[in-house]
């Protein structure tokens, strides 16, 4: 974990090294100041020597100014180093997540990944800033102050030998008992983020069903869990102050009592006693700072472990040592393919799929909910890897191809496809960054999107809001189809991507695609028979198995599942017309 964290310091190593240097200079001056004060008391104030008082006062002023400069510079460089470290961490996390396969992403919830990239990184950032500054300052102050106290009076300095171990044992106990609670609270933070995310994404549904009160209660329940767990952790951490104050007051009492005796006995001067009080405060305050750092590090340790989980997660999908970069054609072959989301042959979602598709064929796929229609096609661009068997594209196993090259030649349009914040042009150019305006208009006409785009005041420069919430479901699907067509792929997968458009528009889209990409192998997953009946062949899926393969007429004559789907839809259309 520590190695992975350190690796993300990157170009901010210089600032991370300069900060402790400035801190060391500040500490040295903080140690010198009490000595100068002791000299001023003993040699100036007690003797009534104004010249000595002015001289020592000037030295104190210069030391204070230099210490202020060192402190300001250490704070500046610590802020730069910690902010840069956090930036690198976020970049690394985001980059790692982008490389995850679907199965990797399935191991982490969306809300958990967001928490790790925000709250957890901020906790680690705060801890890092304290580590390179306070965690350097506190031990140095303590060591130098102990050394100076020992040099002034050996007997008085022995007081610290009893107090410091007491403090360290107390701090260790606090850390030991508080850490499990901080672990738990961050898991609840994930749950809280999930509740908020679900509520915001489904706000229209919440309002339409008047479920605001239910959602409010759900949020309050999770928030209460955080309150209880965090309160329990903080109640343990709260023992820091009483332990510290007990140590401080014990030291002050003992030094006052014994110091007074030494002053009366002539073995300790008044100035030296004052400096002993100062060093006592420095030692105990350094321990206080150290305890604060430990609390922050304690919280950050949990966050660092969660961040490391993501950074240590290796993608299931990797290129071979010598991958293929050219995809000859759009032919696809499934050879005894079995697939399990749990990577367990006892829990298969897709079983023994055997299917051979020629380049340029149009394949329709129908089946009930949960029949593994989407699972079948997601194996083609290697969104998941097969559990058993193989999927071939262009005569080669998809695992033999460079992942980027393979996906560049496979376009997928999902039922719930996503549009990103930006203009319509910017969203369409995801399919081809170098596409001209004429190219955009051409594919939008094929996808039946040009007509509604032209009705917008800004036409193709119309801004799409987050998630495409300012366009209808049918408009969103047509824009996504246009985006996919812009890639001119060898394989096009339409996963129930015209479910939100009417049958006439659906037909016009399919006719346009036949003309635009006649050599592209096309998979059309549809709930409506009308969406797939013109396909070269239709695959009927049932409970993870390929039940039948044939043309519309063949399946209508011989396959019971297809017949039932067709008849139920015809009956529905008839009732609608009536």
Protein backbone atom coordinates (compact mmCIF):
# COMPACT_ATOMS: atom_id res chain seq x y z
CA UNK A 1 0.00 0.00 0.00
CA UNK A 2 2.73 2.48 1.02
CA UNK A 3 4.70 1.79 -2.17
CA UNK A 4 1.66 2.49 -4.34
CA UNK A 5 0.99 5.73 -2.47
CA UNK A 6 4.63 6.91 -2.75
CA UNK A 7 4.67 6.10 -6.47
CA UNK A 8 2.01 8.77 -7.02
CA UNK A 9 4.09 11.62 -5.59
CA UNK A 10 5.65 11.91 -9.04
CA UNK A 11 7.03 15.32 -10.00
CA UNK A 12 6.18 16.72 -6.57
CA UNK A 13 9.14 14.97 -4.93
CA UNK A 14 11.10 18.24 -4.88
CA UNK A 15 8.39 20.03 -2.87
CA UNK A 16 8.07 16.98 -0.63
CA UNK A 17 11.80 17.13 0.16
CA UNK A 18 12.03 20.95 0.50
CA UNK A 19 9.18 21.04 3.05
CA UNK A 20 11.03 19.00 5.75
CA UNK A 21 14.16 21.11 5.14
CA UNK A 22 12.28 24.32 5.92
CA UNK A 23 10.57 22.60 8.85
CA UNK A 24 13.99 21.59 10.26
CA UNK A 25 15.18 25.22 10.02
CA UNK A 26 12.03 26.39 11.82
CA UNK A 27 12.55 23.78 14.57
CA UNK A 28 16.18 24.79 15.13
CA UNK A 29 15.14 28.42 15.60
CA UNK A 30 12.30 27.37 17.94
CA UNK A 31 14.90 25.56 20.06
CA UNK A 32 17.33 28.49 20.04
CA UNK A 33 14.72 31.07 21.11
CA UNK A 34 14.23 29.71 24.69
CA UNK A 35 18.03 29.67 25.17
CA UNK A 36 18.28 33.32 24.12
CA UNK A 37 15.38 34.15 26.43
CA UNK A 38 17.20 32.45 29.33
CA UNK A 39 20.37 34.46 28.58
CA UNK A 40 18.35 37.69 28.40
CA UNK A 41 16.79 36.97 31.82
CA UNK A 42 20.03 35.87 33.49
CA UNK A 43 22.46 38.33 31.85
CA UNK A 44 20.18 41.27 31.16
CA UNK A 45 17.03 41.53 33.27
CA UNK A 46 18.42 40.18 36.58
CA UNK A 47 21.60 42.27 36.23
CA UNK A 48 19.75 45.34 34.95
CA UNK A 49 21.97 45.46 31.84
CA UNK A 50 19.95 47.43 29.25
CA UNK A 51 22.55 46.90 26.54
CA UNK A 52 22.38 43.10 27.01
CA UNK A 53 18.57 43.22 27.01
CA UNK A 54 18.53 45.13 23.68
CA UNK A 55 21.12 42.80 22.16
CA UNK A 56 19.27 39.63 23.15
CA UNK A 57 15.96 41.25 22.15
CA UNK A 58 17.37 41.95 18.65
CA UNK A 59 18.57 38.35 18.39
CA UNK A 60 15.10 37.13 19.42
CA UNK A 61 13.45 39.39 16.82
CA UNK A 62 15.74 38.14 14.02
CA UNK A 63 15.18 34.52 15.05
CA UNK A 64 11.41 35.05 15.11
CA UNK A 65 11.40 36.63 11.61
CA UNK A 66 13.53 33.84 10.14
CA UNK A 67 11.37 31.20 11.88
CA UNK A 68 8.28 32.89 10.43
CA UNK A 69 9.81 32.75 6.94
CA UNK A 70 10.74 29.06 7.32
CA UNK A 71 7.24 28.27 8.64
CA UNK A 72 5.52 30.10 5.77
CA UNK A 73 7.70 28.41 3.15
CA UNK A 74 7.21 24.96 4.68
CA UNK A 75 3.44 25.54 4.64
CA UNK A 76 3.53 26.68 1.01
CA UNK A 77 5.56 23.74 -0.25
CA UNK A 78 3.55 21.27 1.86
CA UNK A 79 0.33 22.56 0.27
CA UNK A 80 1.80 22.26 -3.25
CA UNK A 81 3.15 18.75 -2.60
CA UNK A 82 -0.08 17.44 -1.03
CA UNK A 83 -2.34 18.99 -3.70
CA UNK A 84 -0.11 17.59 -6.44
CA UNK A 85 -0.06 14.19 -4.76
CA UNK A 86 -3.89 14.21 -4.64
CA UNK A 87 -4.05 15.23 -8.30
CA UNK A 88 -1.78 12.35 -9.29
CA UNK A 89 -3.84 9.92 -7.20
CA UNK A 90 -7.10 10.99 -8.84
CA UNK A 91 -5.51 10.77 -12.30
CA UNK A 92 -4.15 7.32 -11.53
CA UNK A 93 -7.49 6.12 -10.15
CA UNK A 94 -9.46 7.45 -13.11
CA UNK A 95 -6.96 6.00 -15.58
CA UNK A 96 -7.09 2.60 -13.83
CA UNK A 97 -10.91 2.60 -13.83
CA UNK A 98 -10.94 3.41 -17.57
CA UNK A 99 -8.91 0.26 -18.17
CA UNK A 100 -11.25 -1.98 -16.17
CA UNK A 101 -13.32 -4.64 -17.84
CA UNK A 102 -17.02 -4.88 -17.02
CA UNK A 103 -16.26 -7.69 -14.58
CA UNK A 104 -13.73 -5.45 -12.77
CA UNK A 105 -16.28 -2.65 -12.51
CA UNK A 106 -18.86 -5.13 -11.21
CA UNK A 107 -16.65 -5.66 -8.13
CA UNK A 108 -16.99 -2.00 -7.13
CA UNK A 109 -20.21 -0.01 -6.99
CA UNK A 110 -20.33 3.33 -8.81
CA UNK A 111 -20.94 5.15 -5.52
CA UNK A 112 -17.92 3.43 -3.95
CA UNK A 113 -15.62 4.48 -6.81
CA UNK A 114 -16.85 8.08 -6.52
CA UNK A 115 -16.18 8.08 -2.75
CA UNK A 116 -12.68 6.71 -3.32
CA UNK A 117 -11.87 9.41 -5.88
CA UNK A 118 -13.23 12.26 -3.73
CA UNK A 119 -13.50 11.77 0.04
CA UNK A 120 -10.77 9.12 0.29
CA UNK A 121 -8.28 11.07 -1.83
CA UNK A 122 -8.96 14.23 0.22
CA UNK A 123 -8.29 12.31 3.45
CA UNK A 124 -5.00 10.99 2.06
CA UNK A 125 -4.08 14.49 0.84
CA UNK A 126 -4.63 15.99 4.31
CA UNK A 127 -2.64 13.20 5.91
CA UNK A 128 0.24 13.62 3.45
CA UNK A 129 0.43 17.35 4.14
CA UNK A 130 0.65 16.65 7.88
CA UNK A 131 3.19 13.86 7.40
CA UNK A 132 5.72 15.97 5.47
CA UNK A 133 5.27 18.90 7.83
CA UNK A 134 3.97 18.09 11.30
CA UNK A 135 5.26 14.52 11.39
CA UNK A 136 8.73 15.93 10.74
CA UNK A 137 8.35 18.91 13.08
CA UNK A 138 6.92 17.08 16.11
CA UNK A 139 9.67 14.42 16.55
CA UNK A 140 12.42 17.00 15.89
CA UNK A 141 10.96 19.44 18.42
CA UNK A 142 10.64 16.63 20.96
CA UNK A 143 14.17 15.27 20.42
CA UNK A 144 15.89 18.69 20.41
CA UNK A 145 13.85 19.95 23.37
CA UNK A 146 14.68 16.81 25.37
CA UNK A 147 18.37 17.26 24.52
CA UNK A 148 18.33 20.93 25.55
CA UNK A 149 16.41 20.17 28.76
CA UNK A 150 18.95 17.45 29.58
CA UNK A 151 21.83 19.87 28.97
CA UNK A 152 20.25 22.45 31.32
CA UNK A 153 19.41 20.08 34.18
CA UNK A 154 19.73 16.30 34.07
CA UNK A 155 17.54 15.71 37.12
CA UNK A 156 14.58 17.75 35.86
CA UNK A 157 14.76 16.15 32.40
CA UNK A 158 14.15 12.72 33.97
CA UNK A 159 10.51 13.78 34.49
CA UNK A 160 9.96 13.35 30.74
CA UNK A 161 11.11 9.72 30.84
CA UNK A 162 8.00 8.84 32.83
CA UNK A 163 5.52 11.05 30.97
CA UNK A 164 6.43 10.39 27.30
CA UNK A 165 5.97 6.56 27.44
CA UNK A 166 2.60 7.09 29.19
CA UNK A 167 1.51 9.35 26.34
CA UNK A 168 2.72 6.96 23.63
CA UNK A 169 0.90 3.98 25.17
CA UNK A 170 -2.28 6.09 25.40
CA UNK A 171 -2.02 7.14 21.72
CA UNK A 172 -1.39 3.56 20.59
CA UNK A 173 -4.50 2.36 22.47
CA UNK A 174 -6.64 5.10 20.86
CA UNK A 175 -5.43 4.13 17.37
CA UNK A 176 -5.97 0.42 17.98
CA UNK A 177 -9.59 0.81 19.11
CA UNK A 178 -10.63 3.60 16.71
CA UNK A 179 -9.38 2.14 13.40
CA UNK A 180 -12.09 -0.55 12.95
CA UNK A 181 -14.80 2.11 13.36
CA UNK A 182 -13.23 4.33 10.68
CA UNK A 183 -13.14 1.28 8.38
CA UNK A 184 -16.84 0.77 8.92
CA UNK A 185 -17.81 4.42 8.46
CA UNK A 186 -16.31 4.62 4.97
CA UNK A 187 -18.29 1.58 3.86
CA UNK A 188 -21.41 3.43 5.01
CA UNK A 189 -20.27 6.52 3.07
CA UNK A 190 -20.39 4.33 -0.07
CA UNK A 191 -23.96 3.41 0.80
CA UNK A 192 -24.86 7.08 1.38
CA UNK A 193 -23.46 8.07 -2.02
CA UNK A 194 -25.40 5.23 -3.61
CA UNK A 195 -28.67 6.48 -2.07
CA UNK A 196 -28.00 10.05 -3.27
CA UNK A 197 -27.00 8.88 -6.76
CA UNK A 198 -30.09 6.69 -7.16
CA UNK A 199 -32.34 9.49 -5.94
CA UNK A 200 -30.91 12.09 -8.31
CA UNK A 201 -30.90 9.77 -11.32
CA UNK A 202 -34.46 8.68 -10.65
CA UNK A 203 -35.82 12.02 -9.42
CA UNK A 204 -38.58 12.05 -12.05
CA UNK A 205 -39.79 8.61 -10.94
CA UNK A 206 -39.58 9.65 -7.27
CA UNK A 207 -41.76 12.69 -7.90
CA UNK A 208 -44.22 10.93 -10.18
CA UNK A 209 -44.86 8.29 -7.49
CA UNK A 210 -44.78 10.89 -4.68
CA UNK A 211 -42.04 8.94 -2.88
CA UNK A 212 -40.08 11.94 -1.57
CA UNK A 213 -40.85 11.04 2.05
CA UNK A 214 -39.70 7.43 1.53
CA UNK A 215 -36.43 8.60 -0.08
CA UNK A 216 -35.95 11.15 2.72
CA UNK A 217 -36.35 8.43 5.35
CA UNK A 218 -33.94 6.15 3.48
CA UNK A 219 -31.33 8.91 3.37
CA UNK A 220 -31.83 9.74 7.06
CA UNK A 221 -31.38 6.07 8.01
CA UNK A 222 -28.00 5.87 6.25
CA UNK A 223 -26.99 9.29 7.58
CA UNK A 224 -27.85 8.12 11.10
CA UNK A 225 -25.62 5.06 10.65
CA UNK A 226 -22.73 7.35 9.72
CA UNK A 227 -23.47 9.56 12.73
CA UNK A 228 -23.50 6.60 15.13
CA UNK A 229 -20.34 4.96 13.76
CA UNK A 230 -18.40 8.21 13.45
CA UNK A 231 -19.49 9.29 16.93
CA UNK A 232 -18.23 5.99 18.32
CA UNK A 233 -14.88 6.45 16.59
CA UNK A 234 -14.58 10.08 17.70
CA UNK A 235 -15.52 9.21 21.28
CA UNK A 236 -12.46 6.93 21.36
CA UNK A 237 -10.27 9.59 19.71
CA UNK A 238 -11.55 12.11 22.27
CA UNK A 239 -9.37 10.40 24.92
CA UNK A 240 -6.37 12.10 23.25
CA UNK A 241 -6.95 15.46 24.94
CA UNK A 242 -7.47 14.22 28.52
CA UNK A 243 -4.37 12.01 28.25
CA UNK A 244 -2.33 14.92 26.88
CA UNK A 245 -3.59 17.45 29.43
CA UNK A 246 -2.88 15.06 32.29
CA UNK A 247 0.70 14.69 31.03
CA UNK A 248 1.15 18.46 30.54
CA UNK A 249 -0.11 19.45 33.98
CA UNK A 250 1.83 16.64 35.67
CA UNK A 251 5.06 17.84 34.04
CA UNK A 252 4.38 21.48 34.88
CA UNK A 253 3.68 20.69 38.54
CA UNK A 254 6.77 18.51 38.94
CA UNK A 255 9.05 21.01 37.18
CA UNK A 256 7.61 23.92 39.23
CA UNK A 257 8.10 22.05 42.50
CA UNK A 258 11.55 20.62 41.80
CA UNK A 259 12.71 23.66 39.82
CA UNK A 260 11.95 26.01 42.67
CA UNK A 261 14.09 23.87 44.97
CA UNK A 262 16.99 23.88 42.46
CA UNK A 263 16.76 27.67 42.05
CA UNK A 264 16.85 28.16 45.83
CA UNK A 265 19.73 25.68 46.03
CA UNK A 266 21.66 27.63 43.39
CA UNK A 267 21.95 24.75 40.91
CA UNK A 268 19.45 26.34 38.47
CA UNK A 269 19.05 29.95 37.36
CA UNK A 270 15.71 31.72 36.87
CA UNK A 271 16.31 31.97 33.13
CA UNK A 272 17.07 28.27 32.90
CA UNK A 273 13.85 27.46 34.80
CA UNK A 274 11.84 29.61 32.34
CA UNK A 275 13.49 27.85 29.40
CA UNK A 276 12.67 24.48 31.02
CA UNK A 277 9.00 25.50 31.11
CA UNK A 278 9.20 26.49 27.43
CA UNK A 279 10.87 23.20 26.47
CA UNK A 280 8.26 21.32 28.49
CA UNK A 281 5.48 23.00 26.53
CA UNK A 282 7.31 22.35 23.27
CA UNK A 283 7.76 18.66 24.08
CA UNK A 284 4.15 18.13 25.12
CA UNK A 285 2.71 20.29 22.34
CA UNK A 286 4.77 18.31 19.84
CA UNK A 287 3.17 15.19 21.26
CA UNK A 288 -0.22 16.89 20.89
CA UNK A 289 0.54 17.64 17.24
CA UNK A 290 1.75 14.08 16.85
CA UNK A 291 -1.55 12.80 18.24
CA UNK A 292 -3.46 14.99 15.77
CA UNK A 293 -1.36 13.61 12.93
CA UNK A 294 -2.03 10.07 14.11
CA UNK A 295 -5.78 10.69 14.13
CA UNK A 296 -5.68 12.07 10.57
CA UNK A 297 -3.36 9.26 9.45
CA UNK A 298 -5.70 6.78 11.15
CA UNK A 299 -8.60 8.03 9.03
CA UNK A 300 -6.38 8.26 5.95
CA UNK A 301 -5.10 4.71 6.44
CA UNK A 302 -8.58 3.36 5.77
CA UNK A 303 -8.91 5.67 2.75
CA UNK A 304 -5.47 4.63 1.47
CA UNK A 305 -6.43 0.95 1.74
CA UNK A 306 -9.59 1.60 -0.29
CA UNK A 307 -7.64 3.55 -2.93
CA UNK A 308 -5.03 0.79 -3.10
CA UNK A 309 -7.78 -1.77 -3.73
CA UNK A 310 -8.65 0.06 -6.94
CA UNK A 311 -5.00 0.65 -7.95
CA UNK A 312 -4.19 -3.03 -7.30
CA UNK A 313 -7.15 -4.30 -9.31
CA UNK A 314 -5.81 -5.80 -12.52
CA UNK A 315 -7.98 -5.75 -15.61
CA UNK A 316 -9.27 -9.18 -16.61
CA UNK A 317 -8.80 -8.20 -20.24
CA UNK A 318 -5.22 -7.92 -21.45
CA UNK A 319 -3.50 -8.01 -24.81
CA UNK A 320 -1.36 -10.96 -25.80
CA UNK A 321 2.38 -10.47 -26.07
CA UNK A 322 2.05 -10.19 -29.88
CA UNK A 323 -1.53 -9.03 -30.62
CA UNK A 324 -3.16 -8.69 -34.02
CA UNK A 325 -4.05 -5.16 -35.11
CA UNK A 326 -5.93 -5.82 -38.35
CA UNK A 327 -9.44 -7.31 -38.37
CA UNK A 328 -9.88 -8.97 -41.79
CA UNK A 329 -13.69 -8.89 -41.91
CA UNK A 330 -16.83 -8.91 -39.82
CA UNK A 331 -17.39 -12.67 -39.68
CA UNK A 332 -18.20 -13.98 -36.19
CA UNK A 333 -18.09 -17.51 -34.81
CA UNK A 334 -19.15 -18.78 -31.38
CA UNK A 335 -17.53 -22.13 -30.59
CA UNK A 336 -19.15 -23.93 -27.65
CA UNK A 337 -19.23 -20.69 -25.66
CA UNK A 338 -20.13 -20.76 -21.98
CA UNK A 339 -20.12 -17.65 -19.84
CA UNK A 340 -20.61 -16.90 -16.15
CA UNK A 341 -20.58 -13.45 -14.56
CA UNK A 342 -19.24 -15.12 -11.42
CA UNK A 343 -16.61 -17.02 -13.46
CA UNK A 344 -18.16 -20.23 -12.16
CA UNK A 345 -19.12 -23.09 -14.48
CA UNK A 346 -21.85 -24.02 -12.02
CA UNK A 347 -23.53 -20.61 -12.50
CA UNK A 348 -23.63 -20.12 -16.26
CA UNK A 349 -25.57 -17.25 -17.84
CA UNK A 350 -24.83 -18.50 -21.38
CA UNK A 351 -24.47 -22.20 -22.18
CA UNK A 352 -22.80 -23.97 -25.11
CA UNK A 353 -23.48 -21.33 -27.75
CA UNK A 354 -22.49 -22.40 -31.26
CA UNK A 355 -23.11 -19.91 -34.03
CA UNK A 356 -21.38 -18.95 -37.28
CA UNK A 357 -22.10 -15.62 -39.00
CA UNK A 358 -20.71 -14.54 -42.35
CA UNK A 359 -19.34 -11.06 -42.90
CA UNK A 360 -22.12 -8.66 -43.90
CA UNK A 361 -24.97 -10.78 -42.54
CA UNK A 362 -27.80 -9.21 -40.57
CA UNK A 363 -28.60 -11.33 -37.52
CA UNK A 364 -31.71 -10.75 -35.43
CA UNK A 365 -31.79 -11.95 -31.81
CA UNK A 366 -35.03 -12.41 -29.86
CA UNK A 367 -35.89 -13.99 -26.53
CA UNK A 368 -37.45 -13.33 -23.18
CA UNK A 369 -36.01 -11.17 -20.43
CA UNK A 370 -32.96 -12.84 -18.92
CA UNK A 371 -32.41 -15.16 -21.88
CA UNK A 372 -28.80 -13.82 -22.29
CA UNK A 373 -29.32 -11.90 -25.53
CA UNK A 374 -27.10 -9.02 -24.40
CA UNK A 375 -24.60 -11.41 -22.81
CA UNK A 376 -24.08 -13.12 -26.17
CA UNK A 377 -23.19 -9.93 -28.08
CA UNK A 378 -21.08 -8.40 -25.27
CA UNK A 379 -18.55 -11.19 -25.77
CA UNK A 380 -17.81 -9.99 -29.34
CA UNK A 381 -15.97 -6.73 -28.41
CA UNK A 382 -14.53 -8.42 -25.29
CA UNK A 383 -16.52 -6.43 -22.77
CA UNK A 384 -16.31 -9.77 -20.97
CA UNK A 385 -14.15 -12.81 -21.72
CA UNK A 386 -15.71 -16.22 -22.24
CA UNK A 387 -15.59 -18.66 -19.34
CA UNK A 388 -15.28 -21.60 -21.73
CA UNK A 389 -15.02 -21.96 -25.50
CA UNK A 390 -14.05 -19.14 -27.86
CA UNK A 391 -15.44 -16.24 -29.86
CA UNK A 392 -13.80 -15.58 -33.22
CA UNK A 393 -13.94 -12.41 -35.32
CA UNK A 394 -12.45 -12.43 -38.79
CA UNK A 395 -11.24 -15.99 -38.26
CA UNK A 396 -9.23 -15.23 -35.12
CA UNK A 397 -10.04 -15.55 -31.42
CA UNK A 398 -10.99 -12.10 -30.07
CA UNK A 399 -8.34 -12.60 -27.36
CA UNK A 400 -5.67 -12.57 -30.07
CA UNK A 401 -6.52 -8.99 -31.11
CA UNK A 402 -5.31 -5.73 -29.68
CA UNK A 403 -8.23 -4.63 -27.52
CA UNK A 404 -8.42 -1.08 -28.94
CA UNK A 405 -8.19 -2.31 -32.54
CA UNK A 406 -10.99 -4.82 -31.93
CA UNK A 407 -13.32 -2.30 -30.31
CA UNK A 408 -12.61 0.27 -33.02
CA UNK A 409 -14.21 -2.16 -35.46
CA UNK A 410 -17.20 -3.05 -33.27
CA UNK A 411 -19.89 -0.45 -32.57
CA UNK A 412 -22.48 -1.05 -29.87
CA UNK A 413 -25.73 0.85 -29.41
CA UNK A 414 -27.45 -0.07 -26.16
CA UNK A 415 -31.07 0.43 -25.16
CA UNK A 416 -29.99 2.81 -22.40
CA UNK A 417 -27.07 4.41 -24.21
CA UNK A 418 -25.47 7.50 -22.76
CA UNK A 419 -24.99 10.98 -24.15
CA UNK A 420 -22.39 13.23 -22.56
CA UNK A 421 -22.53 16.87 -21.58
CA UNK A 422 -21.63 18.92 -24.67
CA UNK A 423 -23.07 19.78 -28.06
CA UNK A 424 -24.74 17.29 -30.41
CA UNK A 425 -21.70 17.60 -32.68
CA UNK A 426 -19.32 16.74 -29.84
CA UNK A 427 -21.40 13.69 -28.90
CA UNK A 428 -21.57 12.43 -32.49
CA UNK A 429 -17.81 12.85 -32.98
CA UNK A 430 -17.21 10.19 -30.31
CA UNK A 431 -17.70 7.87 -33.27
CA UNK A 432 -15.13 9.69 -35.41
CA UNK A 433 -13.18 12.68 -34.14
CA UNK A 434 -12.29 13.81 -37.66
CA UNK A 435 -15.81 13.65 -39.08
CA UNK A 436 -16.94 16.67 -41.11
CA UNK A 437 -20.26 18.44 -40.64
CA UNK A 438 -21.46 16.76 -43.85
CA UNK A 439 -20.63 13.34 -42.38
CA UNK A 440 -22.63 14.18 -39.26
CA UNK A 441 -25.68 15.25 -41.26
CA UNK A 442 -25.46 12.12 -43.45
CA UNK A 443 -25.47 9.62 -40.58
CA UNK A 444 -28.14 11.59 -38.71
CA UNK A 445 -30.40 11.35 -41.76
CA UNK A 446 -29.88 7.58 -41.83
CA UNK A 447 -30.63 7.36 -38.09
CA UNK A 448 -33.73 9.58 -38.59
CA UNK A 449 -32.23 12.15 -36.22
CA UNK A 450 -31.66 15.05 -38.63
CA UNK A 451 -35.34 16.09 -38.66
CA UNK A 452 -35.62 16.78 -34.92
CA UNK A 453 -32.08 18.27 -34.71
CA UNK A 454 -33.02 20.87 -37.34
CA UNK A 455 -35.96 21.92 -35.17
CA UNK A 456 -33.63 22.97 -32.32
CA UNK A 457 -32.70 26.70 -32.37
CA UNK A 458 -28.96 25.86 -32.35
CA UNK A 459 -29.37 22.74 -34.53
CA UNK A 460 -26.18 20.60 -34.31
CA UNK A 461 -24.65 23.03 -31.80
CA UNK A 462 -27.47 22.36 -29.32
CA UNK A 463 -26.12 21.59 -25.86
CA UNK A 464 -26.92 18.15 -24.41
CA UNK A 465 -27.34 18.21 -20.64
CA UNK A 466 -25.84 15.59 -18.31
CA UNK A 467 -27.04 12.13 -19.30
CA UNK A 468 -29.00 13.57 -22.26
CA UNK A 469 -31.92 14.57 -20.03
CA UNK A 470 -33.03 17.38 -22.37
CA UNK A 471 -33.86 14.98 -25.23
CA UNK A 472 -36.45 12.20 -25.33
CA UNK A 473 -35.62 8.50 -25.12
CA UNK A 474 -36.25 8.01 -28.86
CA UNK A 475 -34.13 11.04 -29.78
CA UNK A 476 -31.32 9.81 -27.56
CA UNK A 477 -31.39 6.37 -29.21
CA UNK A 478 -31.28 7.87 -32.71
CA UNK A 479 -28.32 10.09 -31.81
CA UNK A 480 -26.51 7.04 -30.42
CA UNK A 481 -27.20 5.07 -33.63
CA UNK A 482 -25.82 7.98 -35.70
CA UNK A 483 -22.73 8.05 -33.47
CA UNK A 484 -22.16 4.32 -34.04
CA UNK A 485 -22.64 4.62 -37.82
CA UNK A 486 -19.98 7.33 -37.94
CA UNK A 487 -17.35 4.72 -37.00
CA UNK A 488 -18.10 2.67 -40.15
CA UNK A 489 -17.45 -0.51 -38.16
CA UNK A 490 -17.06 -4.04 -39.46
CA UNK A 491 -19.56 -5.20 -36.81
CA UNK A 492 -22.57 -3.23 -35.56
CA UNK A 493 -24.55 -4.34 -32.50
CA UNK A 494 -27.96 -2.80 -31.84
CA UNK A 495 -29.06 -4.00 -28.40
CA UNK A 496 -32.78 -3.15 -28.33
CA UNK A 497 -31.67 0.32 -29.44
CA UNK A 498 -34.90 1.26 -31.24
CA UNK A 499 -37.26 0.34 -28.42
CA UNK A 500 -38.19 3.99 -27.85
CA UNK A 501 -39.01 4.80 -31.50
CA UNK A 502 -42.13 3.96 -33.49
CA UNK A 503 -42.24 1.06 -35.96
CA UNK A 504 -42.12 3.33 -39.02
CA UNK A 505 -38.96 5.10 -37.80
CA UNK A 506 -37.49 1.71 -36.85
CA UNK A 507 -38.05 0.47 -40.41
CA UNK A 508 -36.55 3.62 -41.96
CA UNK A 509 -33.44 3.28 -39.77
CA UNK A 510 -32.92 -0.34 -40.81
CA UNK A 511 -33.39 0.49 -44.48
CA UNK A 512 -30.91 3.37 -44.20
CA UNK A 513 -28.31 1.15 -42.54
CA UNK A 514 -28.57 -1.48 -45.28
CA UNK A 515 -27.68 1.20 -47.81
CA UNK A 516 -25.00 2.95 -45.72
CA UNK A 517 -23.11 -0.11 -44.40
CA UNK A 518 -24.00 -3.06 -46.63
CA UNK A 519 -20.79 -4.97 -45.80
CA UNK A 520 -21.12 -4.57 -42.03
CA UNK A 521 -22.16 -7.55 -39.95
CA UNK A 522 -25.16 -6.38 -37.96
CA UNK A 523 -26.69 -7.85 -34.81
CA UNK A 524 -30.16 -6.56 -33.95
CA UNK A 525 -31.53 -7.47 -30.54
CA UNK A 526 -35.22 -6.64 -30.49
CA UNK A 527 -38.31 -7.12 -28.39
CA UNK A 528 -40.46 -6.48 -31.46
CA UNK A 529 -40.56 -9.12 -34.17
CA UNK A 530 -40.94 -6.32 -36.73
CA UNK A 531 -37.41 -5.11 -35.79
CA UNK A 532 -35.78 -8.43 -36.73
CA UNK A 533 -38.07 -10.13 -39.27
CA UNK A 534 -36.13 -8.78 -42.27
CA UNK A 535 -32.84 -10.15 -40.92
CA UNK A 536 -30.91 -12.78 -42.90
CA UNK A 537 -31.25 -15.09 -39.91
CA UNK A 538 -32.86 -14.85 -36.49
CA UNK A 539 -31.47 -16.41 -33.30
CA UNK A 540 -34.02 -17.37 -30.66
CA UNK A 541 -32.59 -17.32 -27.11
CA UNK A 542 -34.18 -19.09 -24.15
CA UNK A 543 -32.75 -19.43 -20.62
CA UNK A 544 -29.13 -18.93 -21.72
CA UNK A 545 -29.36 -21.34 -24.66
CA UNK A 546 -29.66 -20.83 -28.40
CA UNK A 547 -33.08 -22.39 -28.92
CA UNK A 548 -33.33 -22.03 -32.71
CA UNK A 549 -31.79 -20.30 -35.73
CA UNK A 550 -33.61 -19.52 -38.98
CA UNK A 551 -35.40 -16.96 -41.11
CA UNK A 552 -38.62 -15.28 -40.03
CA UNK A 553 -40.75 -17.67 -42.11
CA UNK A 554 -38.86 -20.77 -40.94
CA UNK A 555 -39.16 -19.87 -37.27
CA UNK A 556 -42.79 -18.86 -37.64
CA UNK A 557 -43.50 -22.31 -39.06
CA UNK A 558 -41.35 -24.41 -36.72
CA UNK A 559 -40.44 -22.65 -33.46
CA UNK A 560 -42.94 -22.41 -30.63
CA UNK A 561 -41.18 -19.59 -28.73
CA UNK A 562 -41.00 -17.42 -31.84
CA UNK A 563 -44.60 -18.20 -32.70
CA UNK A 564 -45.75 -17.15 -29.21
CA UNK A 565 -43.81 -13.88 -29.37
CA UNK A 566 -45.14 -13.11 -32.86
CA UNK A 567 -48.76 -13.97 -32.03
CA UNK A 568 -48.74 -11.98 -28.77
CA UNK A 569 -47.46 -8.93 -30.61
CA UNK A 570 -49.91 -9.32 -33.49
CA UNK A 571 -52.72 -9.65 -30.99
CA UNK A 572 -51.50 -6.53 -29.21
CA UNK A 573 -51.41 -4.58 -32.47
CA UNK A 574 -54.88 -5.78 -33.32
CA UNK A 575 -56.28 -4.66 -29.98
CA UNK A 576 -54.57 -1.28 -30.40
CA UNK A 577 -56.13 -0.77 -33.83
CA UNK A 578 -59.55 -1.74 -32.45
